[in-house]
PDB file of N, CA and C in Angstrom:
ATOM      1  N   MET A   1      72.821  17.460-111.002  1.00  0.00           N
ATOM      2  CA  MET A   1      73.608  16.248-110.905  1.00  0.00           C
ATOM      3  C   MET A   1      72.972  15.324-109.878  1.00  0.00           C
ATOM      4  N   ALA A   2      72.912  14.061-110.193  1.00  0.00           N
ATOM      5  CA  ALA A   2      72.284  13.081-109.311  1.00  0.00           C
ATOM      6  C   ALA A   2      73.191  12.753-108.139  1.00  0.00           C
ATOM      7  N   ARG A   3      72.583  12.637-106.968  1.00  0.00           N
ATOM      8  CA  ARG A   3      73.341  12.230-105.790  1.00  0.00           C
ATOM      9  C   ARG A   3      72.875  10.854-105.398  1.00  0.00           C
ATOM     10  N   THR A   4      73.819   9.971-105.228  1.00  0.00           N
ATOM     11  CA  THR A   4      73.498   8.643-104.732  1.00  0.00           C
ATOM     12  C   THR A   4      74.292   8.418-103.460  1.00  0.00           C
ATOM     13  N   THR A   5      73.815   7.508-102.659  1.00  0.00           N
ATOM     14  CA  THR A   5      74.503   7.201-101.409  1.00  0.00           C
ATOM     15  C   THR A   5      74.890   5.739-101.402  1.00  0.00           C
ATOM     16  N   ALA A   6      75.684   5.369-100.420  1.00  0.00           N
ATOM     17  CA  ALA A   6      76.110   3.980-100.265  1.00  0.00           C
ATOM     18  C   ALA A   6      75.038   3.148 -99.572  1.00  0.00           C
ATOM     19  N   ASN A   7      73.903   3.743 -99.284  1.00  0.00           N
ATOM     20  CA  ASN A   7      72.811   3.055 -98.620  1.00  0.00           C
ATOM     21  C   ASN A   7      72.287   1.936 -99.523  1.00  0.00           C
ATOM     22  N   PRO A   8      72.305   0.685 -99.069  1.00  0.00           N
ATOM     23  CA  PRO A   8      71.883  -0.430 -99.920  1.00  0.00           C
ATOM     24  C   PRO A   8      70.408  -0.377-100.301  1.00  0.00           C
ATOM     25  N   THR A   9      69.592   0.399 -99.591  1.00  0.00           N
ATOM     26  CA  THR A   9      68.171   0.485 -99.925  1.00  0.00           C
ATOM     27  C   THR A   9      67.909   1.527-101.003  1.00  0.00           C
ATOM     28  N   THR A  10      68.890   2.322-101.355  1.00  0.00           N
ATOM     29  CA  THR A  10      68.732   3.323-102.393  1.00  0.00           C
ATOM     30  C   THR A  10      68.879   2.656-103.751  1.00  0.00           C
ATOM     31  N   ARG A  11      67.934   2.906-104.638  1.00  0.00           N
ATOM     32  CA  ARG A  11      68.013   2.286-105.957  1.00  0.00           C
ATOM     33  C   ARG A  11      69.021   3.042-106.813  1.00  0.00           C
ATOM     34  N   PRO A  12      69.719   2.329-107.693  1.00  0.00           N
ATOM     35  CA  PRO A  12      70.684   2.996-108.573  1.00  0.00           C
ATOM     36  C   PRO A  12      69.975   3.940-109.551  1.00  0.00           C
ATOM     37  N   VAL A  13      70.658   4.987-109.911  1.00  0.00           N
ATOM     38  CA  VAL A  13      70.139   5.923-110.898  1.00  0.00           C
ATOM     39  C   VAL A  13      70.318   5.287-112.273  1.00  0.00           C
ATOM     40  N   THR A  14      69.292   5.374-113.102  1.00  0.00           N
ATOM     41  CA  THR A  14      69.364   4.752-114.419  1.00  0.00           C
ATOM     42  C   THR A  14      70.075   5.662-115.414  1.00  0.00           C
ATOM     43  N   ALA A  15      70.532   5.055-116.518  1.00  0.00           N
ATOM     44  CA  ALA A  15      71.180   5.822-117.586  1.00  0.00           C
ATOM     45  C   ALA A  15      70.215   6.846-118.162  1.00  0.00           C
ATOM     46  N   ALA A  16      68.948   6.476-118.281  1.00  0.00           N
ATOM     47  CA  ALA A  16      67.949   7.414-118.815  1.00  0.00           C
ATOM     48  C   ALA A  16      67.818   8.636-117.910  1.00  0.00           C
ATOM     49  N   GLU A  17      67.839   8.413-116.601  1.00  0.00           N
ATOM     50  CA  GLU A  17      67.751   9.539-115.661  1.00  0.00           C
ATOM     51  C   GLU A  17      68.982  10.430-115.774  1.00  0.00           C
ATOM     52  N   LEU A  18      70.145   9.817-115.949  1.00  0.00           N
ATOM     53  CA  LEU A  18      71.364  10.614-116.103  1.00  0.00           C
ATOM     54  C   LEU A  18      71.326  11.431-117.390  1.00  0.00           C
ATOM     55  N   LEU A  19      70.818  10.841-118.458  1.00  0.00           N
ATOM     56  CA  LEU A  19      70.671  11.583-119.722  1.00  0.00           C
ATOM     57  C   LEU A  19      69.747  12.782-119.532  1.00  0.00           C
ATOM     58  N   GLU A  20      68.634  12.567-118.830  1.00  0.00           N
ATOM     59  CA  GLU A  20      67.686  13.655-118.561  1.00  0.00           C
ATOM     60  C   GLU A  20      68.326  14.775-117.744  1.00  0.00           C
ATOM     61  N   GLN A  21      69.292  14.418-116.910  1.00  0.00           N
ATOM     62  CA  GLN A  21      69.948  15.405-116.052  1.00  0.00           C
ATOM     63  C   GLN A  21      71.134  16.075-116.733  1.00  0.00           C
ATOM     64  N   GLY A  22      71.395  15.710-117.994  1.00  0.00           N
ATOM     65  CA  GLY A  22      72.422  16.407-118.749  1.00  0.00           C
ATOM     66  C   GLY A  22      73.751  15.684-118.896  1.00  0.00           C
ATOM     67  N   PHE A  23      73.848  14.459-118.415  1.00  0.00           N
ATOM     68  CA  PHE A  23      75.090  13.709-118.598  1.00  0.00           C
ATOM     69  C   PHE A  23      75.194  13.248-120.044  1.00  0.00           C
ATOM     70  N   SER A  24      76.411  13.235-120.572  1.00  0.00           N
ATOM     71  CA  SER A  24      76.633  12.734-121.928  1.00  0.00           C
ATOM     72  C   SER A  24      76.751  11.210-121.881  1.00  0.00           C
ATOM     73  N   PRO A  25      76.530  10.549-123.029  1.00  0.00           N
ATOM     74  CA  PRO A  25      76.691   9.084-123.050  1.00  0.00           C
ATOM     75  C   PRO A  25      78.084   8.632-122.601  1.00  0.00           C
ATOM     76  N   SER A  26      79.119   9.376-122.954  1.00  0.00           N
ATOM     77  CA  SER A  26      80.471   8.975-122.521  1.00  0.00           C
ATOM     78  C   SER A  26      80.635   9.144-121.012  1.00  0.00           C
ATOM     79  N   GLU A  27      80.024  10.171-120.441  1.00  0.00           N
ATOM     80  CA  GLU A  27      80.091  10.342-118.983  1.00  0.00           C
ATOM     81  C   GLU A  27      79.342   9.204-118.277  1.00  0.00           C
ATOM     82  N   ILE A  28      78.214   8.813-118.834  1.00  0.00           N
ATOM     83  CA  ILE A  28      77.439   7.714-118.250  1.00  0.00           C
ATOM     84  C   ILE A  28      78.233   6.416-118.324  1.00  0.00           C
ATOM     85  N   ALA A  29      78.905   6.183-119.446  1.00  0.00           N
ATOM     86  CA  ALA A  29      79.736   4.980-119.580  1.00  0.00           C
ATOM     87  C   ALA A  29      80.869   4.994-118.563  1.00  0.00           C
ATOM     88  N   SER A  30      81.480   6.160-118.354  1.00  0.00           N
ATOM     89  CA  SER A  30      82.562   6.272-117.357  1.00  0.00           C
ATOM     90  C   SER A  30      82.040   5.983-115.961  1.00  0.00           C
ATOM     91  N   LEU A  31      80.865   6.512-115.639  1.00  0.00           N
ATOM     92  CA  LEU A  31      80.276   6.253-114.324  1.00  0.00           C
ATOM     93  C   LEU A  31      79.954   4.767-114.149  1.00  0.00           C
ATOM     94  N   ALA A  32      79.467   4.130-115.215  1.00  0.00           N
ATOM     95  CA  ALA A  32      79.150   2.694-115.146  1.00  0.00           C
ATOM     96  C   ALA A  32      80.419   1.881-114.888  1.00  0.00           C
ATOM     97  N   ARG A  33      81.519   2.231-115.566  1.00  0.00           N
ATOM     98  CA  ARG A  33      82.794   1.517-115.337  1.00  0.00           C
ATOM     99  C   ARG A  33      83.286   1.737-113.915  1.00  0.00           C
ATOM    100  N   LEU A  34      83.153   2.950-113.437  1.00  0.00           N
ATOM    101  CA  LEU A  34      83.568   3.256-112.066  1.00  0.00           C
ATOM    102  C   LEU A  34      82.779   2.414-111.080  1.00  0.00           C
ATOM    103  N   ARG A  35      81.478   2.344-111.276  1.00  0.00           N
ATOM    104  CA  ARG A  35      80.636   1.564-110.367  1.00  0.00           C
ATOM    105  C   ARG A  35      81.004   0.082-110.407  1.00  0.00           C
ATOM    106  N   GLU A  36      81.294  -0.439-111.594  1.00  0.00           N
ATOM    107  CA  GLU A  36      81.664  -1.858-111.723  1.00  0.00           C
ATOM    108  C   GLU A  36      82.977  -2.169-111.009  1.00  0.00           C
ATOM    109  N   ASN A  37      83.910  -1.222-111.027  1.00  0.00           N
ATOM    110  CA  ASN A  37      85.240  -1.458-110.462  1.00  0.00           C
ATOM    111  C   ASN A  37      85.368  -1.048-109.004  1.00  0.00           C
ATOM    112  N   TRP A  38      84.385  -0.348-108.462  1.00  0.00           N
ATOM    113  CA  TRP A  38      84.461   0.142-107.093  1.00  0.00           C
ATOM    114  C   TRP A  38      84.207  -0.989-106.119  1.00  0.00           C
ATOM    115  N   ASN A  39      85.071  -1.088-105.123  1.00  0.00           N
ATOM    116  CA  ASN A  39      84.941  -2.126-104.112  1.00  0.00           C
ATOM    117  C   ASN A  39      85.068  -1.468-102.742  1.00  0.00           C
ATOM    118  N   PRO A  40      83.954  -1.205-102.081  1.00  0.00           N
ATOM    119  CA  PRO A  40      84.031  -0.523-100.785  1.00  0.00           C
ATOM    120  C   PRO A  40      84.807  -1.312 -99.745  1.00  0.00           C
ATOM    121  N   ALA A  41      84.788  -2.635 -99.829  1.00  0.00           N
ATOM    122  CA  ALA A  41      85.530  -3.448 -98.863  1.00  0.00           C
ATOM    123  C   ALA A  41      87.028  -3.214 -99.013  1.00  0.00           C
ATOM    124  N   ALA A  42      87.499  -3.077-100.252  1.00  0.00           N
ATOM    125  CA  ALA A  42      88.924  -2.831-100.484  1.00  0.00           C
ATOM    126  C   ALA A  42      89.326  -1.485 -99.904  1.00  0.00           C
ATOM    127  N   GLU A  43      88.476  -0.477-100.044  1.00  0.00           N
ATOM    128  CA  GLU A  43      88.779   0.833 -99.461  1.00  0.00           C
ATOM    129  C   GLU A  43      88.863   0.746 -97.949  1.00  0.00           C
ATOM    130  N   GLN A  44      87.974  -0.013 -97.357  1.00  0.00           N
ATOM    131  CA  GLN A  44      87.985  -0.148 -95.905  1.00  0.00           C
ATOM    132  C   GLN A  44      89.259  -0.855 -95.448  1.00  0.00           C
ATOM    133  N   VAL A  45      89.649  -1.916 -96.136  1.00  0.00           N
ATOM    134  CA  VAL A  45      90.869  -2.642 -95.770  1.00  0.00           C
ATOM    135  C   VAL A  45      92.076  -1.725 -95.899  1.00  0.00           C
ATOM    136  N   GLU A  46      92.148  -0.970 -96.991  1.00  0.00           N
ATOM    137  CA  GLU A  46      93.267  -0.052 -97.187  1.00  0.00           C
ATOM    138  C   GLU A  46      93.308   0.980 -96.071  1.00  0.00           C
ATOM    139  N   SER A  47      92.162   1.486 -95.685  1.00  0.00           N
ATOM    140  CA  SER A  47      92.085   2.464 -94.613  1.00  0.00           C
ATOM    141  C   SER A  47      92.554   1.859 -93.289  1.00  0.00           C
ATOM    142  N   ILE A  48      92.134   0.638 -93.006  1.00  0.00           N
ATOM    143  CA  ILE A  48      92.546  -0.030 -91.766  1.00  0.00           C
ATOM    144  C   ILE A  48      94.049  -0.254 -91.769  1.00  0.00           C
ATOM    145  N   LEU A  49      94.597  -0.693 -92.909  1.00  0.00           N
ATOM    146  CA  LEU A  49      96.044  -0.901 -92.989  1.00  0.00           C
ATOM    147  C   LEU A  49      96.794   0.404 -92.776  1.00  0.00           C
ATOM    148  N   ASP A  50      96.319   1.482 -93.390  1.00  0.00           N
ATOM    149  CA  ASP A  50      96.948   2.785 -93.190  1.00  0.00           C
ATOM    150  C   ASP A  50      96.910   3.183 -91.720  1.00  0.00           C
ATOM    151  N   TRP A  51      95.768   2.984 -91.067  1.00  0.00           N
ATOM    152  CA  TRP A  51      95.635   3.333 -89.656  1.00  0.00           C
ATOM    153  C   TRP A  51      96.616   2.515 -88.806  1.00  0.00           C
ATOM    154  N   ARG A  52      96.737   1.229 -89.094  1.00  0.00           N
ATOM    155  CA  ARG A  52      97.669   0.384 -88.332  1.00  0.00           C
ATOM    156  C   ARG A  52      99.114   0.817 -88.555  1.00  0.00           C
ATOM    157  N   ARG A  53      99.458   1.224 -89.775  1.00  0.00           N
ATOM    158  CA  ARG A  53     100.812   1.709 -90.043  1.00  0.00           C
ATOM    159  C   ARG A  53     101.091   2.984 -89.247  1.00  0.00           C
ATOM    160  N   ILE A  54     100.124   3.867 -89.195  1.00  0.00           N
ATOM    161  CA  ILE A  54     100.289   5.106 -88.425  1.00  0.00           C
ATOM    162  C   ILE A  54     100.465   4.780 -86.944  1.00  0.00           C
ATOM    163  N   GLN A  55      99.644   3.862 -86.438  1.00  0.00           N
ATOM    164  CA  GLN A  55      99.751   3.467 -85.036  1.00  0.00           C
ATOM    165  C   GLN A  55     101.118   2.839 -84.748  1.00  0.00           C
ATOM    166  N   PHE A  56     101.629   2.028 -85.671  1.00  0.00           N
ATOM    167  CA  PHE A  56     102.935   1.410 -85.486  1.00  0.00           C
ATOM    168  C   PHE A  56     104.040   2.468 -85.498  1.00  0.00           C
ATOM    169  N   ALA A  57     103.957   3.419 -86.424  1.00  0.00           N
ATOM    170  CA  ALA A  57     104.956   4.491 -86.470  1.00  0.00           C
ATOM    171  C   ALA A  57     104.932   5.290 -85.165  1.00  0.00           C
ATOM    172  N   LYS A  58     103.745   5.536 -84.648  1.00  0.00           N
ATOM    173  CA  LYS A  58     103.623   6.251 -83.366  1.00  0.00           C
ATOM    174  C   LYS A  58     104.251   5.424 -82.246  1.00  0.00           C
ATOM    175  N   TRP A  59     104.005   4.120 -82.244  1.00  0.00           N
ATOM    176  CA  TRP A  59     104.597   3.264 -81.230  1.00  0.00           C
ATOM    177  C   TRP A  59     106.124   3.304 -81.313  1.00  0.00           C
ATOM    178  N   LEU A  60     106.665   3.233 -82.541  1.00  0.00           N
ATOM    179  CA  LEU A  60     108.118   3.313 -82.719  1.00  0.00           C
ATOM    180  C   LEU A  60     108.662   4.608 -82.137  1.00  0.00           C
ATOM    181  N   TYR A  61     108.000   5.721 -82.435  1.00  0.00           N
ATOM    182  CA  TYR A  61     108.437   7.024 -81.925  1.00  0.00           C
ATOM    183  C   TYR A  61     108.326   7.064 -80.404  1.00  0.00           C
ATOM    184  N   ASP A  62     107.183   6.626 -79.870  1.00  0.00           N
ATOM    185  CA  ASP A  62     106.971   6.662 -78.418  1.00  0.00           C
ATOM    186  C   ASP A  62     107.973   5.806 -77.661  1.00  0.00           C
ATOM    187  N   ASN A  63     108.489   4.761 -78.304  1.00  0.00           N
ATOM    188  CA  ASN A  63     109.420   3.848 -77.649  1.00  0.00           C
ATOM    189  C   ASN A  63     110.875   4.125 -78.001  1.00  0.00           C
ATOM    190  N   GLY A  64     111.132   5.303 -78.559  1.00  0.00           N
ATOM    191  CA  GLY A  64     112.501   5.735 -78.775  1.00  0.00           C
ATOM    192  C   GLY A  64     113.194   5.192 -80.014  1.00  0.00           C
ATOM    193  N   HIS A  65     112.476   4.550 -80.899  1.00  0.00           N
ATOM    194  CA  HIS A  65     113.095   4.020 -82.107  1.00  0.00           C
ATOM    195  C   HIS A  65     113.323   5.088 -83.160  1.00  0.00           C
ATOM    196  N   TYR A  66     112.562   6.161 -83.072  1.00  0.00           N
ATOM    197  CA  TYR A  66     112.725   7.319 -83.946  1.00  0.00           C
ATOM    198  C   TYR A  66     112.678   8.565 -83.081  1.00  0.00           C
ATOM    199  N   SER A  67     113.362   9.603 -83.519  1.00  0.00           N
ATOM    200  CA  SER A  67     113.278  10.860 -82.792  1.00  0.00           C
ATOM    201  C   SER A  67     113.272  12.005 -83.790  1.00  0.00           C
ATOM    202  N   GLU A  68     112.979  13.189 -83.303  1.00  0.00           N
ATOM    203  CA  GLU A  68     112.981  14.373 -84.159  1.00  0.00           C
ATOM    204  C   GLU A  68     114.389  14.918 -84.351  1.00  0.00           C
ATOM    205  N   ASP A  69     115.351  14.421 -83.568  1.00  0.00           N
ATOM    206  CA  ASP A  69     116.730  14.878 -83.711  1.00  0.00           C
ATOM    207  C   ASP A  69     117.323  14.338 -85.006  1.00  0.00           C
ATOM    208  N   VAL A  70     118.044  15.205 -85.692  1.00  0.00           N
ATOM    209  CA  VAL A  70     118.693  14.806 -86.937  1.00  0.00           C
ATOM    210  C   VAL A  70     120.134  14.444 -86.639  1.00  0.00           C
ATOM    211  N   ALA A  71     120.533  13.256 -87.062  1.00  0.00           N
ATOM    212  CA  ALA A  71     121.921  12.830 -86.825  1.00  0.00           C
ATOM    213  C   ALA A  71     122.844  13.634 -87.737  1.00  0.00           C
ATOM    214  N   ALA A  72     123.967  14.081 -87.183  1.00  0.00           N
ATOM    215  CA  ALA A  72     124.905  14.892 -87.963  1.00  0.00           C
ATOM    216  C   ALA A  72     125.898  14.057 -88.722  1.00  0.00           C
TER     217      ALA A  72
END
C-alpha cells in the first residue's frame, strides 16, 4: 500500500502506481474523491474550536459554575 504524507514537496501517487500496487479502479476513484474533498485547514479549525471548548469547560469548572456533585 502506498504511503503519502502531507508534505507539499511529496508528489502525489498516480492512478497507474496504485493499480500496480493492487488497488482496484473503484478504490482509486474513492481515494481521488477523498483527496478532492479533504481540506486540512478545516480540520485544523475544527481542532482549534474543540480545544477552545474544552478550555472553556475547564474554566467553568474551575470557577465553580459546574461541579462533580449531583443535585438531588
